C-alpha atoms as a PDB file:
ATOM      1  CA  UNK A   1       0.000   0.000   0.000  1.00  0.00           C
ATOM      2  CA  UNK A   2       2.791   2.401   0.921  1.00  0.00           C
ATOM      3  CA  UNK A   3       4.653   1.719  -2.322  1.00  0.00           C
ATOM      4  CA  UNK A   4       1.494   2.366  -4.339  1.00  0.00           C
ATOM      5  CA  UNK A   5       0.713   5.632  -2.534  1.00  0.00           C
ATOM      6  CA  UNK A   6       4.291   6.882  -2.859  1.00  0.00           C
ATOM      7  CA  UNK A   7       4.309   5.967  -6.545  1.00  0.00           C
ATOM      8  CA  UNK A   8       1.116   7.923  -7.125  1.00  0.00           C
ATOM      9  CA  UNK A   9       2.533  10.879  -5.167  1.00  0.00           C
ATOM     10  CA  UNK A  10       5.711  11.000  -7.258  1.00  0.00           C
ATOM     11  CA  UNK A  11       3.696  10.698 -10.458  1.00  0.00           C
ATOM     12  CA  UNK A  12       1.272  13.433  -9.415  1.00  0.00           C
ATOM     13  CA  UNK A  13       3.931  15.854  -8.134  1.00  0.00           C
ATOM     14  CA  UNK A  14       6.619  15.138 -10.728  1.00  0.00           C
ATOM     15  CA  UNK A  15       6.096  18.270 -12.770  1.00  0.00           C
ATOM     16  CA  UNK A  16       5.707  20.628  -9.803  1.00  0.00           C
ATOM     17  CA  UNK A  17       8.425  19.361  -7.452  1.00  0.00           C
ATOM     18  CA  UNK A  18      10.785  17.307  -9.578  1.00  0.00           C
ATOM     19  CA  UNK A  19      11.048  19.157 -12.919  1.00  0.00           C
ATOM     20  CA  UNK A  20       9.190  16.411 -14.784  1.00  0.00           C
ATOM     21  CA  UNK A  21      11.653  13.652 -13.914  1.00  0.00           C
ATOM     22  CA  UNK A  22      10.361  10.119 -14.266  1.00  0.00           C
ATOM     23  CA  UNK A  23      10.475   8.524 -10.807  1.00  0.00           C
ATOM     24  CA  UNK A  24       9.570   4.950  -9.948  1.00  0.00           C
ATOM     25  CA  UNK A  25       9.267   3.547  -6.427  1.00  0.00           C
ATOM     26  CA  UNK A  26      10.945   0.152  -6.786  1.00  0.00           C
ATOM     27  CA  UNK A  27      10.963  -1.127  -3.175  1.00  0.00           C
ATOM     28  CA  UNK A  28       9.706  -0.064   0.234  1.00  0.00           C
ATOM     29  CA  UNK A  29      11.116  -1.795   3.299  1.00  0.00           C
ATOM     30  CA  UNK A  30       9.434  -1.030   6.609  1.00  0.00           C
ATOM     31  CA  UNK A  31      11.015  -1.657   9.995  1.00  0.00           C
ATOM     32  CA  UNK A  32       9.188  -4.153  12.260  1.00  0.00           C
ATOM     33  CA  UNK A  33       8.044  -1.352  14.580  1.00  0.00           C
ATOM     34  CA  UNK A  34       6.627   0.612  11.593  1.00  0.00           C
ATOM     35  CA  UNK A  35       8.641   3.711  12.508  1.00  0.00           C
ATOM     36  CA  UNK A  36      11.055   3.791   9.569  1.00  0.00           C
ATOM     37  CA  UNK A  37      10.566   3.071   5.868  1.00  0.00           C
ATOM     38  CA  UNK A  38      13.435   2.740   3.424  1.00  0.00           C
ATOM     39  CA  UNK A  39      12.176   3.805   0.007  1.00  0.00           C
ATOM     40  CA  UNK A  40      14.170   2.918  -3.101  1.00  0.00           C
ATOM     41  CA  UNK A  41      13.673   5.152  -6.122  1.00  0.00           C
ATOM     42  CA  UNK A  42      14.652   4.640  -9.722  1.00  0.00           C
ATOM     43  CA  UNK A  43      15.137   7.986 -11.465  1.00  0.00           C
ATOM     44  CA  UNK A  44      15.119   8.561 -15.218  1.00  0.00           C
ATOM     45  CA  UNK A  45      15.865  11.676 -17.262  1.00  0.00           C
ATOM     46  CA  UNK A  46      18.457  13.066 -14.881  1.00  0.00           C
ATOM     47  CA  UNK A  47      22.217  12.962 -14.701  1.00  0.00           C
ATOM     48  CA  UNK A  48      22.647  14.141 -11.121  1.00  0.00           C
ATOM     49  CA  UNK A  49      20.906  11.312  -9.288  1.00  0.00           C
ATOM     50  CA  UNK A  50      22.727  11.756  -5.963  1.00  0.00           C
ATOM     51  CA  UNK A  51      21.702  15.421  -5.760  1.00  0.00           C
ATOM     52  CA  UNK A  52      18.149  14.403  -6.577  1.00  0.00           C
ATOM     53  CA  UNK A  53      18.043  11.868  -3.721  1.00  0.00           C
ATOM     54  CA  UNK A  54      19.408  14.532  -1.345  1.00  0.00           C
ATOM     55  CA  UNK A  55      16.643  16.885  -2.467  1.00  0.00           C
ATOM     56  CA  UNK A  56      13.932  14.243  -1.987  1.00  0.00           C
ATOM     57  CA  UNK A  57      15.264  13.490   1.507  1.00  0.00           C
ATOM     58  CA  UNK A  58      15.193  17.221   2.300  1.00  0.00           C
ATOM     59  CA  UNK A  59      11.434  17.380   1.582  1.00  0.00           C
ATOM     60  CA  UNK A  60      10.690  14.090   3.388  1.00  0.00           C
ATOM     61  CA  UNK A  61       8.448  15.859   5.903  1.00  0.00           C
ATOM     62  CA  UNK A  62       6.232  17.240   3.159  1.00  0.00           C
ATOM     63  CA  UNK A  63       6.019  13.840   1.451  1.00  0.00           C
ATOM     64  CA  UNK A  64       5.239  12.131   4.769  1.00  0.00           C
ATOM     65  CA  UNK A  65       2.483  14.652   5.503  1.00  0.00           C
ATOM     66  CA  UNK A  66       0.821  14.131   2.105  1.00  0.00           C
ATOM     67  CA  UNK A  67       1.047  10.342   2.301  1.00  0.00           C
ATOM     68  CA  UNK A  68      -0.199  10.458   5.901  1.00  0.00           C
ATOM     69  CA  UNK A  69      -3.344  12.275   4.825  1.00  0.00           C
ATOM     70  CA  UNK A  70      -4.101   9.460   2.366  1.00  0.00           C
ATOM     71  CA  UNK A  71      -3.420   6.428   4.588  1.00  0.00           C
ATOM     72  CA  UNK A  72      -4.143   7.719   8.105  1.00  0.00           C
ATOM     73  CA  UNK A  73      -7.227   5.504   8.511  1.00  0.00           C
ATOM     74  CA  UNK A  74      -5.432   2.379   7.306  1.00  0.00           C
ATOM     75  CA  UNK A  75      -2.268   2.398   9.435  1.00  0.00           C
ATOM     76  CA  UNK A  76      -1.506   3.083  13.067  1.00  0.00           C
ATOM     77  CA  UNK A  77       1.730   4.990  12.492  1.00  0.00           C
ATOM     78  CA  UNK A  78       2.966   6.950   9.506  1.00  0.00           C
ATOM     79  CA  UNK A  79       6.601   5.899   9.094  1.00  0.00           C
ATOM     80  CA  UNK A  80       9.458   8.307   8.512  1.00  0.00           C
ATOM     81  CA  UNK A  81      10.866   7.912   5.026  1.00  0.00           C
ATOM     82  CA  UNK A  82      14.490   7.637   4.030  1.00  0.00           C
ATOM     83  CA  UNK A  83      15.008   7.674   0.286  1.00  0.00           C
ATOM     84  CA  UNK A  84      17.720   5.752  -1.520  1.00  0.00           C
ATOM     85  CA  UNK A  85      18.754   5.432  -5.140  1.00  0.00           C
ATOM     86  CA  UNK A  86      17.910   2.051  -6.661  1.00  0.00           C
ATOM     87  CA  UNK A  87      20.716   1.481  -9.118  1.00  0.00           C
ATOM     88  CA  UNK A  88      19.753  -2.064 -10.086  1.00  0.00           C
ATOM     89  CA  UNK A  89      18.654  -0.941 -13.577  1.00  0.00           C
ATOM     90  CA  UNK A  90      21.997   0.815 -14.111  1.00  0.00           C
ATOM     91  CA  UNK A  91      23.752  -2.369 -13.000  1.00  0.00           C
ATOM     92  CA  UNK A  92      21.729  -4.477 -15.446  1.00  0.00           C
ATOM     93  CA  UNK A  93      22.454  -2.029 -18.285  1.00  0.00           C
ATOM     94  CA  UNK A  94      26.161  -2.138 -17.474  1.00  0.00           C
ATOM     95  CA  UNK A  95      26.222  -5.973 -17.491  1.00  0.00           C
ATOM     96  CA  UNK A  96      24.310  -6.017 -20.777  1.00  0.00           C
ATOM     97  CA  UNK A  97      26.732  -3.509 -22.308  1.00  0.00           C
ATOM     98  CA  UNK A  98      29.741  -5.557 -21.157  1.00  0.00           C
ATOM     99  CA  UNK A  99      28.271  -8.751 -22.605  1.00  0.00           C
ATOM    100  CA  UNK A 100      27.575  -7.065 -25.933  1.00  0.00           C
ATOM    101  CA  UNK A 101      31.149  -5.698 -26.142  1.00  0.00           C
ATOM    102  CA  UNK A 102      32.559  -9.241 -26.194  1.00  0.00           C
ATOM    103  CA  UNK A 103      30.569 -10.175 -29.280  1.00  0.00           C
END
């Protein structure tokens, strides 16, 4: 549920907050006590991904507030979010490129 709501938030706010970048929520891992959520984002159409993740973490309170309004009746606690870059697609592209170079 949290992954879906975050995905919809990033899609809805992409143009206003993120300069139209394409953002996908790939994984959400929640601590057992539901206090912390590690959110992994895949970011397209940007070269400065680390700066982007820093920016998203700087507005975490705003994101948490908006998500909290949507899911407040479904969960007991709204977790704090920490955003991380999911570089698994970059890793796959790099492996594919290396395999194609040998041919």
